[in-house]
N, C-alpha and C. Protein backbone atom coordinates (compact mmCIF):
# COMPACT_ATOMS: atom_id res chain seq x y z
N UNK A 1 15.57 -4.42 -19.55
CA UNK A 1 14.24 -4.43 -20.06
C UNK A 1 13.59 -3.48 -20.14
N UNK A 2 12.73 -3.47 -21.22
CA UNK A 2 12.13 -2.47 -22.17
C UNK A 2 11.45 -1.21 -20.93
N UNK A 3 11.68 0.14 -21.81
CA UNK A 3 11.10 1.19 -20.88
C UNK A 3 9.99 1.53 -21.05
N UNK A 4 9.03 2.05 -20.23
CA UNK A 4 7.76 2.43 -20.45
C UNK A 4 7.28 3.66 -20.30
N UNK A 5 6.60 4.18 -21.44
CA UNK A 5 6.10 5.51 -21.34
C UNK A 5 7.18 6.71 -21.73
N UNK A 6 6.90 7.78 -21.83
CA UNK A 6 7.76 8.69 -22.48
C UNK A 6 8.86 9.20 -21.22
N UNK A 7 10.11 9.82 -21.68
CA UNK A 7 10.66 10.28 -20.86
C UNK A 7 10.32 11.31 -19.66
N UNK A 8 10.51 11.42 -18.66
CA UNK A 8 11.38 10.30 -18.08
C UNK A 8 10.41 8.95 -17.46
N UNK A 9 11.55 7.81 -17.82
CA UNK A 9 10.76 6.66 -17.54
C UNK A 9 11.64 5.29 -16.73
N UNK A 10 11.35 4.60 -16.12
CA UNK A 10 12.16 3.72 -15.50
C UNK A 10 11.69 2.09 -16.25
N UNK A 11 12.64 1.26 -15.94
CA UNK A 11 12.62 -0.28 -16.21
C UNK A 11 11.15 -0.61 -16.01
N UNK A 12 10.50 -1.29 -17.00
CA UNK A 12 9.17 -2.02 -16.63
C UNK A 12 9.16 -3.14 -15.82
N UNK A 13 8.67 -3.27 -14.77
CA UNK A 13 8.92 -4.28 -13.54
C UNK A 13 7.65 -4.55 -13.00
N UNK A 14 6.89 -5.61 -13.51
CA UNK A 14 5.51 -5.78 -12.81
C UNK A 14 5.71 -6.00 -11.42
N UNK A 15 6.50 -6.17 -10.70
CA UNK A 15 6.47 -6.53 -9.15
C UNK A 15 6.46 -5.17 -8.46
N UNK A 16 6.93 -4.03 -9.37
CA UNK A 16 6.60 -2.77 -8.41
C UNK A 16 5.31 -2.13 -8.30
N UNK A 17 5.16 -1.56 -7.27
CA UNK A 17 3.48 -1.02 -7.43
C UNK A 17 3.32 0.40 -7.68
N UNK A 18 4.31 1.25 -8.64
CA UNK A 18 3.99 2.42 -9.31
C UNK A 18 4.72 2.31 -10.44
N UNK A 19 3.98 2.87 -11.64
CA UNK A 19 4.61 2.97 -12.87
C UNK A 19 4.31 4.54 -13.19
N UNK A 20 5.09 4.90 -14.53
CA UNK A 20 5.53 6.52 -14.72
C UNK A 20 4.63 6.48 -16.03
N UNK A 21 3.74 5.72 -16.40
CA UNK A 21 2.91 6.02 -17.64
C UNK A 21 1.51 5.12 -17.46
N UNK A 22 0.75 5.85 -18.48
CA UNK A 22 -0.51 4.93 -18.29
C UNK A 22 -0.68 4.03 -19.47
N UNK A 23 0.53 3.90 -20.43
CA UNK A 23 0.55 3.12 -21.62
C UNK A 23 1.62 2.34 -21.17
N UNK A 24 0.96 1.24 -20.42
CA UNK A 24 1.71 -0.14 -20.01
C UNK A 24 1.00 -1.36 -20.37
N UNK A 25 1.64 -2.26 -20.28
CA UNK A 25 1.16 -3.86 -20.45
C UNK A 25 0.28 -4.01 -19.30
N UNK A 26 -1.23 -4.05 -19.40
CA UNK A 26 -1.97 -4.42 -18.15
C UNK A 26 -1.42 -5.77 -17.41
N UNK A 27 -1.84 -5.91 -16.47
CA UNK A 27 -1.14 -7.29 -15.46
C UNK A 27 -2.22 -8.20 -15.60
N UNK A 28 -2.01 -9.45 -15.67
CA UNK A 28 -2.70 -10.53 -15.55
C UNK A 28 -3.14 -11.09 -14.04
N UNK A 29 -4.00 -11.69 -14.00
CA UNK A 29 -4.29 -12.18 -12.70
C UNK A 29 -3.32 -12.54 -11.82
N UNK A 30 -2.75 -13.30 -12.48
CA UNK A 30 -1.44 -14.10 -11.97
C UNK A 30 -0.26 -13.19 -11.72
N UNK A 31 -0.19 -12.13 -12.48
CA UNK A 31 0.93 -11.08 -12.03
C UNK A 31 0.29 -10.49 -11.08
N UNK A 32 -0.88 -10.04 -10.99
CA UNK A 32 -1.30 -9.34 -9.74
C UNK A 32 -0.88 -10.19 -8.03
N UNK A 33 -1.26 -11.54 -8.62
CA UNK A 33 -0.89 -12.17 -7.45
C UNK A 33 0.47 -12.09 -6.98
N UNK A 34 1.38 -12.37 -8.24
CA UNK A 34 2.78 -11.98 -7.67
C UNK A 34 3.14 -10.88 -7.04
N UNK A 35 2.92 -9.77 -7.80
CA UNK A 35 2.73 -8.57 -7.07
C UNK A 35 2.51 -8.35 -5.45
N UNK A 36 1.49 -9.27 -5.43
CA UNK A 36 0.91 -9.02 -3.66
C UNK A 36 2.10 -9.91 -2.97
N UNK A 37 2.51 -10.80 -3.62
CA UNK A 37 3.14 -11.89 -2.82
C UNK A 37 4.52 -11.23 -2.52
N UNK A 38 5.14 -10.52 -3.72
CA UNK A 38 6.44 -9.99 -3.57
C UNK A 38 6.24 -8.89 -2.64
N UNK A 39 5.37 -8.14 -2.70
CA UNK A 39 5.13 -7.03 -1.72
C UNK A 39 5.35 -7.28 -0.24
N UNK A 40 4.70 -8.37 0.07
CA UNK A 40 4.57 -9.10 1.24
C UNK A 40 5.64 -9.44 1.91
N UNK A 41 6.62 -10.26 1.18
CA UNK A 41 7.75 -10.94 1.38
C UNK A 41 9.11 -9.80 1.51
N UNK A 42 8.94 -9.21 0.88
CA UNK A 42 10.14 -8.04 0.79
C UNK A 42 10.65 -7.81 2.07
N UNK A 43 11.95 -8.03 2.08
CA UNK A 43 12.81 -8.02 3.55
C UNK A 43 12.49 -6.39 4.22
N UNK A 44 12.22 -5.60 3.12
CA UNK A 44 11.67 -4.09 3.85
C UNK A 44 10.73 -4.09 4.22
N UNK A 45 9.65 -4.80 4.16
CA UNK A 45 8.26 -4.93 4.66
C UNK A 45 8.40 -5.52 5.91
N UNK A 46 9.43 -6.86 6.20
CA UNK A 46 9.45 -7.37 7.50
C UNK A 46 10.29 -6.06 8.27
N UNK A 47 11.29 -5.61 7.94
CA UNK A 47 11.86 -4.84 8.72
C UNK A 47 10.93 -3.34 9.30
N UNK A 48 10.14 -3.10 8.41
CA UNK A 48 9.00 -1.86 8.86
C UNK A 48 8.20 -2.15 9.53
N UNK A 49 7.58 -3.52 9.75
CA UNK A 49 6.55 -4.00 10.66
C UNK A 49 7.19 -4.11 11.92
N UNK A 50 8.35 -4.88 12.18
CA UNK A 50 9.21 -5.20 13.03
C UNK A 50 9.44 -4.10 13.79
N UNK A 51 9.90 -3.04 12.88
CA UNK A 51 10.28 -1.69 13.76
C UNK A 51 9.12 -0.83 14.43
N UNK A 52 8.08 -0.89 13.67
CA UNK A 52 6.74 -0.47 14.42
C UNK A 52 6.38 -0.89 15.50
N UNK A 53 6.48 -2.44 15.60
CA UNK A 53 5.97 -3.18 16.72
C UNK A 53 7.09 -2.90 17.77
N UNK A 54 8.18 -2.72 17.52
CA UNK A 54 9.39 -2.53 18.69
C UNK A 54 9.14 -1.30 19.26
N UNK A 55 8.66 -0.37 18.32
CA UNK A 55 8.42 1.11 19.19
C UNK A 55 7.17 0.94 19.82
N UNK A 56 6.17 0.33 19.05
CA UNK A 56 4.88 0.43 19.91
C UNK A 56 4.84 -0.34 21.47
N UNK A 57 5.60 -1.36 21.41
CA UNK A 57 5.82 -2.19 22.77
C UNK A 57 6.47 -1.18 23.69
N UNK A 58 7.61 -0.56 23.13
CA UNK A 58 8.52 -0.08 23.94
C UNK A 58 7.59 1.21 24.70
N UNK A 59 6.87 1.69 23.69
CA UNK A 59 5.83 2.90 24.12
C UNK A 59 4.77 2.46 25.19
N UNK A 60 4.45 1.21 25.12
CA UNK A 60 2.97 0.76 25.86
C UNK A 60 3.11 -0.60 26.16
N UNK A 61 4.16 -0.93 27.37
CA UNK A 61 4.42 -2.25 27.94
C UNK A 61 3.00 -3.07 28.29
N UNK A 62 1.92 -2.02 28.59
CA UNK A 62 0.80 -2.71 29.02
C UNK A 62 -0.45 -2.98 28.03
N UNK A 63 0.20 -3.07 26.87
CA UNK A 63 -0.87 -3.16 25.80
C UNK A 63 -1.50 -4.73 25.53
N UNK A 64 -2.32 -4.90 24.81
CA UNK A 64 -2.95 -6.17 24.61
C UNK A 64 -1.98 -7.42 24.45
N UNK A 65 -0.74 -6.88 23.75
CA UNK A 65 -0.02 -7.87 23.30
C UNK A 65 1.27 -8.32 24.53
N UNK A 66 0.89 -7.90 25.70
CA UNK A 66 2.13 -7.82 26.62
C UNK A 66 3.52 -7.12 26.56
N UNK A 67 4.18 -7.42 27.14
CA UNK A 67 5.59 -6.88 27.08
C UNK A 67 6.56 -7.16 26.84
N UNK A 68 7.84 -6.81 26.49
CA UNK A 68 8.99 -7.46 26.01
C UNK A 68 9.18 -8.41 24.83
N UNK A 69 9.74 -9.36 24.55
CA UNK A 69 9.81 -10.00 23.47
C UNK A 69 8.61 -10.81 23.09
N UNK A 70 8.15 -11.16 24.16
CA UNK A 70 6.61 -11.64 23.74
C UNK A 70 5.57 -10.71 23.08
N UNK A 71 5.74 -9.61 23.65
CA UNK A 71 4.77 -8.54 22.98
C UNK A 71 5.12 -8.04 21.74
N UNK A 72 6.36 -7.97 21.72
CA UNK A 72 7.13 -7.78 20.26
C UNK A 72 6.66 -8.61 19.38
N UNK A 73 6.90 -10.05 19.70
CA UNK A 73 6.21 -11.16 18.87
C UNK A 73 5.15 -11.09 18.46
N UNK A 74 4.19 -10.83 19.50
CA UNK A 74 2.57 -10.82 19.07
C UNK A 74 2.41 -9.97 18.13
N UNK A 75 2.88 -8.66 18.10
CA UNK A 75 2.50 -7.73 17.52
C UNK A 75 2.85 -7.74 16.10
N UNK A 76 4.13 -8.00 16.17
CA UNK A 76 4.74 -8.34 14.71
C UNK A 76 3.84 -9.22 13.95
N UNK A 77 3.56 -10.29 14.48
CA UNK A 77 2.76 -11.43 14.11
C UNK A 77 1.55 -10.98 13.34
N UNK A 78 0.61 -10.07 14.26
CA UNK A 78 -0.63 -9.77 14.22
C UNK A 78 -0.26 -8.42 12.90
N UNK A 79 0.73 -7.83 12.81
CA UNK A 79 0.74 -6.91 11.72
C UNK A 79 1.06 -7.36 10.53
N UNK A 80 1.96 -8.71 10.54
CA UNK A 80 2.26 -9.24 9.38
C UNK A 80 0.83 -9.95 8.89
N UNK A 81 0.09 -10.69 9.33
CA UNK A 81 -1.24 -11.16 9.20
C UNK A 81 -1.91 -10.11 8.49
N UNK A 82 -2.19 -8.96 9.28
CA UNK A 82 -3.11 -7.90 8.77
C UNK A 82 -2.57 -7.48 7.19
N UNK A 83 -1.08 -7.16 6.83
CA UNK A 83 -0.48 -6.76 5.83
C UNK A 83 -0.89 -7.91 4.82
N UNK A 84 -0.71 -9.18 5.08
CA UNK A 84 -1.15 -10.27 4.19
C UNK A 84 -2.57 -10.24 3.76
N UNK A 85 -3.44 -9.63 4.47
CA UNK A 85 -5.04 -9.91 4.05
C UNK A 85 -5.19 -8.72 3.08
N UNK A 86 -4.11 -7.38 3.51
CA UNK A 86 -4.35 -6.28 2.95
C UNK A 86 -3.63 -6.60 1.28
N UNK A 87 -2.29 -7.00 1.18
CA UNK A 87 -2.34 -7.52 -0.04
C UNK A 87 -3.14 -8.37 -0.92
N UNK A 88 -3.68 -9.28 -0.15
CA UNK A 88 -4.36 -10.38 -0.71
C UNK A 88 -5.66 -9.71 -1.19
N UNK A 89 -6.48 -8.73 -0.64
CA UNK A 89 -7.45 -8.15 -1.07
C UNK A 89 -7.11 -7.19 -2.15
N UNK A 90 -6.06 -6.09 -1.83
CA UNK A 90 -5.86 -4.61 -2.43
C UNK A 90 -5.06 -4.89 -3.85
N UNK A 91 -4.30 -5.90 -3.71
CA UNK A 91 -3.28 -6.06 -4.91
C UNK A 91 -3.78 -7.21 -5.45
N UNK A 92 -4.38 -8.21 -5.08
CA UNK A 92 -4.92 -9.60 -5.79
C UNK A 92 -6.37 -9.74 -6.16
N UNK A 93 -7.00 -10.03 -5.25
CA UNK A 93 -8.33 -10.32 -5.46
C UNK A 93 -9.52 -9.47 -5.74
N UNK A 94 -9.41 -8.23 -5.25
CA UNK A 94 -10.34 -7.41 -5.60
C UNK A 94 -9.98 -6.76 -7.28
N UNK A 95 -8.63 -6.47 -7.27
CA UNK A 95 -8.47 -6.12 -8.89
C UNK A 95 -8.48 -7.19 -9.99
N UNK A 96 -8.47 -8.41 -9.38
CA UNK A 96 -8.52 -9.21 -10.30
C UNK A 96 -10.03 -9.70 -10.50
N UNK A 97 -11.24 -9.40 -9.75
CA UNK A 97 -12.43 -9.55 -9.89
C UNK A 97 -12.86 -8.38 -10.58
N UNK A 98 -12.53 -7.14 -10.57
CA UNK A 98 -13.25 -5.98 -11.18
C UNK A 98 -12.15 -5.40 -12.30
N UNK A 99 -11.04 -6.13 -12.57
CA UNK A 99 -10.24 -6.00 -13.74
C UNK A 99 -9.51 -4.34 -13.68
N UNK A 100 -9.12 -4.16 -12.38
CA UNK A 100 -8.36 -2.97 -11.83
C UNK A 100 -7.01 -3.01 -11.88
N UNK A 101 -6.26 -1.95 -12.36
CA UNK A 101 -4.73 -2.32 -12.21
C UNK A 101 -4.35 -1.55 -10.67
N UNK A 102 -3.62 -2.61 -9.93
CA UNK A 102 -3.34 -2.25 -8.46
C UNK A 102 -2.04 -1.41 -8.05
N UNK A 103 -1.61 -1.10 -9.50
CA UNK A 103 -0.38 -0.34 -9.49
C UNK A 103 -0.84 1.33 -9.55
N UNK A 104 0.13 2.13 -8.81
CA UNK A 104 -0.20 3.57 -8.80
C UNK A 104 0.59 4.30 -10.14
N UNK A 105 -0.43 4.99 -10.82
CA UNK A 105 0.53 5.53 -12.23
C UNK A 105 1.08 6.97 -11.70
N UNK A 106 2.20 7.21 -11.83
CA UNK A 106 2.64 8.53 -11.72
C UNK A 106 2.66 9.27 -12.82
N UNK A 107 2.66 10.80 -12.44
CA UNK A 107 2.17 12.03 -13.63
C UNK A 107 3.63 12.52 -13.67
N UNK A 108 4.92 12.13 -13.92
CA UNK A 108 6.11 12.80 -13.84
C UNK A 108 6.15 14.45 -14.77
N UNK A 109 5.17 14.46 -15.77
CA UNK A 109 5.57 15.81 -16.74
C UNK A 109 4.40 16.58 -16.47
N UNK A 110 3.39 16.35 -15.71
CA UNK A 110 2.35 17.04 -15.20
C UNK A 110 2.62 18.21 -14.29
N UNK A 111 1.80 19.29 -14.21
CA UNK A 111 2.19 20.37 -13.21
C UNK A 111 1.98 19.80 -11.82
N UNK A 112 3.03 20.57 -10.74
CA UNK A 112 2.81 20.33 -9.76
C UNK A 112 1.47 19.90 -9.26
N UNK A 113 0.64 21.14 -9.45
CA UNK A 113 -0.80 21.11 -8.57
C UNK A 113 -1.50 19.80 -9.35
N UNK A 114 -1.29 19.27 -10.62
CA UNK A 114 -2.23 18.52 -11.43
C UNK A 114 -1.80 17.17 -10.53
N UNK A 115 -0.36 16.83 -10.30
CA UNK A 115 0.22 15.58 -9.77
C UNK A 115 -0.28 15.57 -8.44
N UNK A 116 -0.25 16.83 -7.34
CA UNK A 116 -0.94 16.40 -6.08
C UNK A 116 -2.41 16.24 -6.11
N UNK A 117 -3.16 16.48 -6.95
CA UNK A 117 -4.44 16.44 -6.96
C UNK A 117 -4.66 14.87 -7.68
N UNK A 118 -3.81 14.36 -8.66
CA UNK A 118 -3.95 13.12 -8.83
C UNK A 118 -3.66 12.14 -8.13
N UNK A 119 -2.51 12.39 -7.36
CA UNK A 119 -2.11 11.52 -5.71
C UNK A 119 -3.07 11.16 -5.00
N UNK A 120 -3.97 12.81 -4.49
CA UNK A 120 -5.20 12.66 -3.76
C UNK A 120 -6.30 11.63 -4.33
N UNK A 121 -6.46 11.98 -5.44
CA UNK A 121 -7.83 11.43 -6.09
C UNK A 121 -7.67 10.09 -6.10
N UNK A 122 -6.21 9.51 -6.33
CA UNK A 122 -6.13 8.07 -6.20
C UNK A 122 -6.64 7.08 -5.48
N UNK A 123 -6.98 7.62 -3.97
CA UNK A 123 -7.60 6.74 -3.14
C UNK A 123 -9.19 6.64 -3.74
N UNK A 124 -9.65 7.18 -4.25
CA UNK A 124 -10.93 7.17 -4.84
C UNK A 124 -11.05 6.80 -6.34
N UNK A 125 -10.14 7.30 -7.17
CA UNK A 125 -10.12 7.01 -8.82
C UNK A 125 -8.90 6.00 -9.04
N UNK A 126 -9.16 5.05 -9.45
CA UNK A 126 -8.10 4.24 -10.11
C UNK A 126 -8.15 3.67 -11.74
N UNK A 127 -7.28 2.83 -12.20
CA UNK A 127 -7.62 2.84 -13.56
C UNK A 127 -7.83 1.45 -13.98
N UNK A 128 -8.48 1.12 -14.91
CA UNK A 128 -9.19 -0.03 -15.48
C UNK A 128 -7.80 -0.79 -16.25
N UNK A 129 -7.85 -2.00 -16.39
CA UNK A 129 -6.89 -2.62 -16.84
C UNK A 129 -6.64 -2.09 -18.65
N UNK A 130 -7.53 -1.61 -18.88
CA UNK A 130 -7.38 -1.38 -20.47
C UNK A 130 -7.43 0.29 -20.07
N UNK A 131 -6.91 0.64 -19.32
CA UNK A 131 -6.53 2.17 -19.19
C UNK A 131 -7.69 3.21 -18.84
N UNK A 132 -8.80 2.82 -18.81
CA UNK A 132 -9.89 3.80 -18.38
C UNK A 132 -9.84 3.95 -16.96
N UNK A 133 -10.46 5.17 -16.70
CA UNK A 133 -10.66 5.53 -15.33
C UNK A 133 -11.60 4.84 -14.74
N UNK A 134 -11.62 4.40 -13.32
CA UNK A 134 -12.66 3.78 -12.93
C UNK A 134 -12.56 4.03 -11.25
N UNK A 135 -13.57 3.70 -10.56
CA UNK A 135 -13.71 3.59 -8.89
C UNK A 135 -12.77 2.91 -8.57
N UNK A 136 -11.88 3.46 -7.18
CA UNK A 136 -10.61 2.56 -6.81
C UNK A 136 -11.18 1.46 -5.81
N UNK A 137 -12.01 0.47 -6.40
CA UNK A 137 -12.73 -0.49 -5.61
C UNK A 137 -11.66 -1.12 -4.60
N UNK A 138 -10.41 -1.42 -5.18
CA UNK A 138 -9.48 -2.02 -4.29
C UNK A 138 -9.10 -1.55 -2.87
N UNK A 139 -8.70 -0.35 -2.93
CA UNK A 139 -8.51 0.66 -2.01
C UNK A 139 -9.82 0.87 -0.76
N UNK A 140 -10.61 1.35 -1.40
CA UNK A 140 -11.65 1.54 -0.32
C UNK A 140 -12.36 0.11 0.21
N UNK A 141 -12.47 -0.83 -0.69
CA UNK A 141 -13.10 -2.36 -0.51
C UNK A 141 -12.16 -2.94 0.87
N UNK A 142 -10.78 -2.80 0.32
CA UNK A 142 -9.90 -3.29 1.18
C UNK A 142 -10.02 -2.74 2.84
N UNK A 143 -10.23 -1.07 2.87
CA UNK A 143 -10.28 -0.89 4.11
C UNK A 143 -11.34 -1.50 4.73
N UNK A 144 -12.46 -1.40 4.28
CA UNK A 144 -13.83 -2.07 4.85
C UNK A 144 -13.62 -3.38 5.28
N UNK A 145 -13.12 -4.15 4.07
CA UNK A 145 -12.84 -5.70 4.63
C UNK A 145 -11.92 -5.83 5.65
N UNK A 146 -10.71 -5.41 5.38
CA UNK A 146 -9.59 -5.22 6.30
C UNK A 146 -10.06 -5.22 7.92
N UNK A 147 -10.71 -4.09 8.08
CA UNK A 147 -11.18 -3.88 9.38
C UNK A 147 -12.07 -4.53 10.17
N UNK A 148 -12.98 -5.14 9.33
CA UNK A 148 -13.88 -6.16 9.79
C UNK A 148 -13.56 -7.35 10.25
N UNK A 149 -12.17 -7.78 9.19
CA UNK A 149 -11.66 -9.15 9.45
C UNK A 149 -10.79 -8.87 10.76
N UNK A 150 -10.24 -7.94 10.74
CA UNK A 150 -9.12 -7.85 12.31
C UNK A 150 -10.09 -7.64 13.54
N UNK A 151 -11.58 -6.95 13.43
CA UNK A 151 -12.35 -7.19 14.35
C UNK A 151 -12.37 -8.64 15.11
N UNK A 152 -12.31 -9.56 13.95
CA UNK A 152 -12.33 -11.05 14.28
C UNK A 152 -11.14 -11.62 15.08
N UNK A 153 -9.73 -11.16 15.14
CA UNK A 153 -8.87 -11.85 15.61
C UNK A 153 -7.95 -10.98 16.13
N UNK A 154 -7.83 -9.26 16.14
CA UNK A 154 -6.75 -8.64 16.47
C UNK A 154 -6.95 -8.34 17.84
N UNK A 155 -6.07 -8.54 19.02
CA UNK A 155 -6.77 -8.17 20.32
C UNK A 155 -6.58 -6.67 20.47
N UNK A 156 -7.27 -6.23 21.53
CA UNK A 156 -7.07 -4.58 21.72
C UNK A 156 -7.40 -3.64 21.10
N UNK A 157 -8.45 -3.81 20.10
CA UNK A 157 -9.21 -3.00 19.08
C UNK A 157 -10.63 -2.81 19.65
N UNK A 158 -11.20 -1.52 19.58
CA UNK A 158 -12.58 -1.61 19.62
C UNK A 158 -13.36 -2.29 18.72
N UNK A 159 -14.20 -3.10 18.79
CA UNK A 159 -15.08 -3.83 17.52
C UNK A 159 -16.44 -3.05 17.54
N UNK A 160 -16.80 -2.25 18.05
CA UNK A 160 -18.18 -1.75 17.83
C UNK A 160 -18.35 -1.34 16.63
N UNK A 161 -19.67 -0.84 15.96
CA UNK A 161 -19.63 -0.25 14.95
C UNK A 161 -19.05 1.07 14.81
N UNK A 162 -19.46 1.82 15.37
CA UNK A 162 -18.51 3.33 15.38
C UNK A 162 -17.18 3.29 15.67
N UNK A 163 -16.80 2.41 16.32
CA UNK A 163 -15.01 2.30 16.15
C UNK A 163 -14.51 1.66 14.82
N UNK A 164 -15.38 0.81 14.57
CA UNK A 164 -14.56 0.19 13.05
C UNK A 164 -14.97 1.24 12.23
N UNK A 165 -16.12 1.95 12.01
CA UNK A 165 -16.27 3.09 11.18
C UNK A 165 -15.14 4.15 11.17
N UNK A 166 -14.73 4.35 12.50
CA UNK A 166 -13.94 5.38 12.35
C UNK A 166 -12.50 4.97 12.11
N UNK A 167 -12.07 3.66 12.28
CA UNK A 167 -10.82 3.37 11.76
C UNK A 167 -10.54 3.14 10.06
N UNK A 168 -11.88 2.89 9.72
CA UNK A 168 -12.04 2.88 8.23
C UNK A 168 -11.97 4.22 7.69
N UNK A 169 -12.73 5.27 8.20
CA UNK A 169 -12.55 6.79 7.80
C UNK A 169 -11.04 7.12 8.09
N UNK A 170 -10.63 6.83 9.15
CA UNK A 170 -9.23 7.46 9.38
C UNK A 170 -8.40 6.87 8.04
N UNK A 171 -8.47 5.40 7.90
CA UNK A 171 -7.58 4.64 6.70
C UNK A 171 -7.65 5.53 5.70
N UNK A 172 -9.20 5.79 5.25
CA UNK A 172 -9.48 6.48 3.73
C UNK A 172 -8.88 8.09 4.02
N UNK A 173 -8.88 8.46 4.93
CA UNK A 173 -8.46 10.02 4.79
C UNK A 173 -7.26 10.31 5.16
N UNK A 174 -6.35 9.02 5.41
CA UNK A 174 -4.88 9.17 5.45
C UNK A 174 -3.89 8.65 3.96
N UNK A 175 -5.01 7.89 3.46
CA UNK A 175 -4.65 7.12 2.52
C UNK A 175 -3.78 7.87 1.41
N UNK A 176 -3.98 9.09 0.71
CA UNK A 176 -3.47 9.84 0.06
C UNK A 176 -2.04 10.20 0.27
N UNK A 177 -1.60 10.19 1.56
CA UNK A 177 -0.16 10.37 1.94
C UNK A 177 0.80 9.38 1.09
N UNK A 178 0.35 8.18 1.14
CA UNK A 178 1.22 6.98 0.28
C UNK A 178 1.32 7.22 -1.12
N UNK A 179 0.16 7.77 -1.61
CA UNK A 179 0.02 8.08 -3.28
C UNK A 179 1.06 9.34 -3.55
N UNK A 180 1.00 10.37 -2.67
CA UNK A 180 1.91 11.69 -2.38
C UNK A 180 3.34 11.40 -2.62
N UNK A 181 3.60 10.23 -1.74
CA UNK A 181 4.82 9.82 -1.68
C UNK A 181 5.75 9.14 -2.95
N UNK A 182 4.34 8.13 -3.60
CA UNK A 182 4.72 7.40 -4.53
C UNK A 182 5.29 8.45 -5.97
N UNK A 183 4.35 9.78 -6.05
CA UNK A 183 4.38 10.58 -7.00
C UNK A 183 5.55 11.26 -7.15
N UNK A 184 5.95 11.89 -5.85
CA UNK A 184 7.25 12.53 -5.85
C UNK A 184 8.34 11.96 -5.38
N UNK A 185 8.46 11.09 -4.54
CA UNK A 185 9.94 10.41 -3.97
C UNK A 185 10.85 10.19 -4.94
N UNK A 186 10.55 9.48 -6.21
CA UNK A 186 11.36 9.31 -7.17
C UNK A 186 11.88 10.56 -7.97
N UNK A 187 11.43 11.62 -7.93
CA UNK A 187 11.80 12.95 -8.29
C UNK A 187 13.04 13.29 -7.40
N UNK A 188 12.91 13.50 -6.09
CA UNK A 188 13.68 13.56 -4.91
C UNK A 188 14.90 12.75 -5.05
N UNK A 189 14.83 11.39 -5.27
CA UNK A 189 15.57 10.36 -5.46
C UNK A 189 16.55 10.83 -6.29
N UNK A 190 16.04 11.35 -7.42
CA UNK A 190 17.22 11.82 -8.51
C UNK A 190 18.03 12.84 -8.35
N UNK A 191 17.25 13.88 -7.63
CA UNK A 191 18.25 14.91 -7.12
C UNK A 191 19.34 14.89 -6.24
N UNK A 192 19.22 13.79 -5.40
CA UNK A 192 20.15 13.60 -4.34
C UNK A 192 20.65 12.27 -4.09
N UNK A 193 20.37 11.59 -5.53
CA UNK A 193 21.36 10.49 -6.25
C UNK A 193 20.67 9.53 -5.28
N UNK A 194 19.78 9.16 -4.72
CA UNK A 194 19.50 7.80 -4.20
C UNK A 194 19.16 6.56 -5.33
N UNK A 195 19.37 5.76 -4.99
CA UNK A 195 19.23 4.17 -5.92
C UNK A 195 17.99 4.06 -6.34
N UNK A 196 17.10 4.31 -7.41
CA UNK A 196 15.51 4.52 -7.11
C UNK A 196 15.21 2.86 -6.78
N UNK A 197 15.91 1.64 -6.77
CA UNK A 197 15.26 0.57 -6.30
C UNK A 197 15.21 0.70 -4.82
N UNK A 198 15.91 1.60 -4.03
CA UNK A 198 15.98 1.55 -2.41
C UNK A 198 14.49 2.48 -2.59
N UNK A 199 14.45 3.67 -3.05
CA UNK A 199 13.30 4.19 -3.01
C UNK A 199 12.41 3.55 -3.33
N UNK A 200 12.14 2.61 -4.27
CA UNK A 200 10.82 2.17 -4.44
C UNK A 200 10.42 0.96 -3.21
N UNK A 201 11.64 0.64 -2.53
CA UNK A 201 11.37 -0.25 -1.30
C UNK A 201 10.40 0.72 -0.15
N UNK A 202 11.24 1.57 -0.05
CA UNK A 202 10.48 2.38 0.49
C UNK A 202 8.85 2.77 0.58
N UNK A 203 8.65 3.10 -0.74
CA UNK A 203 7.40 3.52 -1.21
C UNK A 203 6.44 2.22 -1.27
N UNK A 204 6.90 0.76 -1.60
CA UNK A 204 6.28 -0.34 -1.03
C UNK A 204 5.34 -0.38 0.36
N UNK A 205 6.31 0.01 1.16
CA UNK A 205 5.64 0.01 2.38
C UNK A 205 4.64 1.20 2.88
N UNK A 206 4.43 2.27 1.89
CA UNK A 206 3.66 3.16 2.19
C UNK A 206 2.16 3.43 1.39
N UNK A 207 2.22 2.80 0.12
CA UNK A 207 0.89 2.90 -0.64
C UNK A 207 0.33 1.33 -0.73
N UNK A 208 1.15 0.21 -0.11
CA UNK A 208 0.04 -0.98 -0.33
C UNK A 208 0.15 -1.71 1.11
N UNK A 209 -1.01 -1.96 1.29
CA UNK A 209 -1.12 -3.00 2.60
C UNK A 209 -2.29 -2.29 3.23
N UNK A 210 -2.96 -3.46 4.23
CA UNK A 210 -4.08 -2.88 5.09
C UNK A 210 -3.70 -1.90 6.04
N UNK A 211 -5.12 -1.34 6.77
CA UNK A 211 -4.98 -0.45 8.02
C UNK A 211 -4.27 -0.86 9.10
N UNK A 212 -3.49 -0.51 9.60
CA UNK A 212 -2.49 -0.66 10.88
C UNK A 212 -3.36 -1.14 12.07
N UNK A 213 -2.53 -2.01 12.76
CA UNK A 213 -3.41 -2.74 13.89
C UNK A 213 -4.18 -1.71 14.55
N UNK A 214 -3.37 -0.59 14.73
CA UNK A 214 -4.39 0.46 15.67
C UNK A 214 -5.70 0.94 15.10
């Protein structure tokens, strides 16, 4: 596969949610849809959601989902549904409508301070398909849309306006953590010889998706 950008660089792969250069081929609407589907059906995604559900039910057997395997199954199902709606809006629908690149663009050759600021700012500033900077409508819009949709069907959450606004604010405030992981984890992987594909699968779960059930 062709390489993208100046060294260090990784093989071009349109189904991965981060890239190492701004000078890459933009994704078509179809490719954005493929990216969303691939992120959702990735086995590691299911393992992550199922693992969270198991821990949550074990910690609180009196939740709105019930206890035991029934509660685990319900929470996993709702988690997958929320993840699907997040992928649909954040990776496909909104980026297709506003011509936004849903991928995170790393800056591996920049200074540490610049990379940290770039990762934090990504929640608010993304990249247009033509490479220009633009507001990150996909991330900001998805938190709002997903929170409102979750109010309609997810059990056990407060649906008042203040509670919904609080969930949106917490999601946006914590969103940069995923971008920071995407920015620096490949560097760590190279130092400790972790296979980059495995690293990317971990990052998939942390930088793409809807706000959590909680």
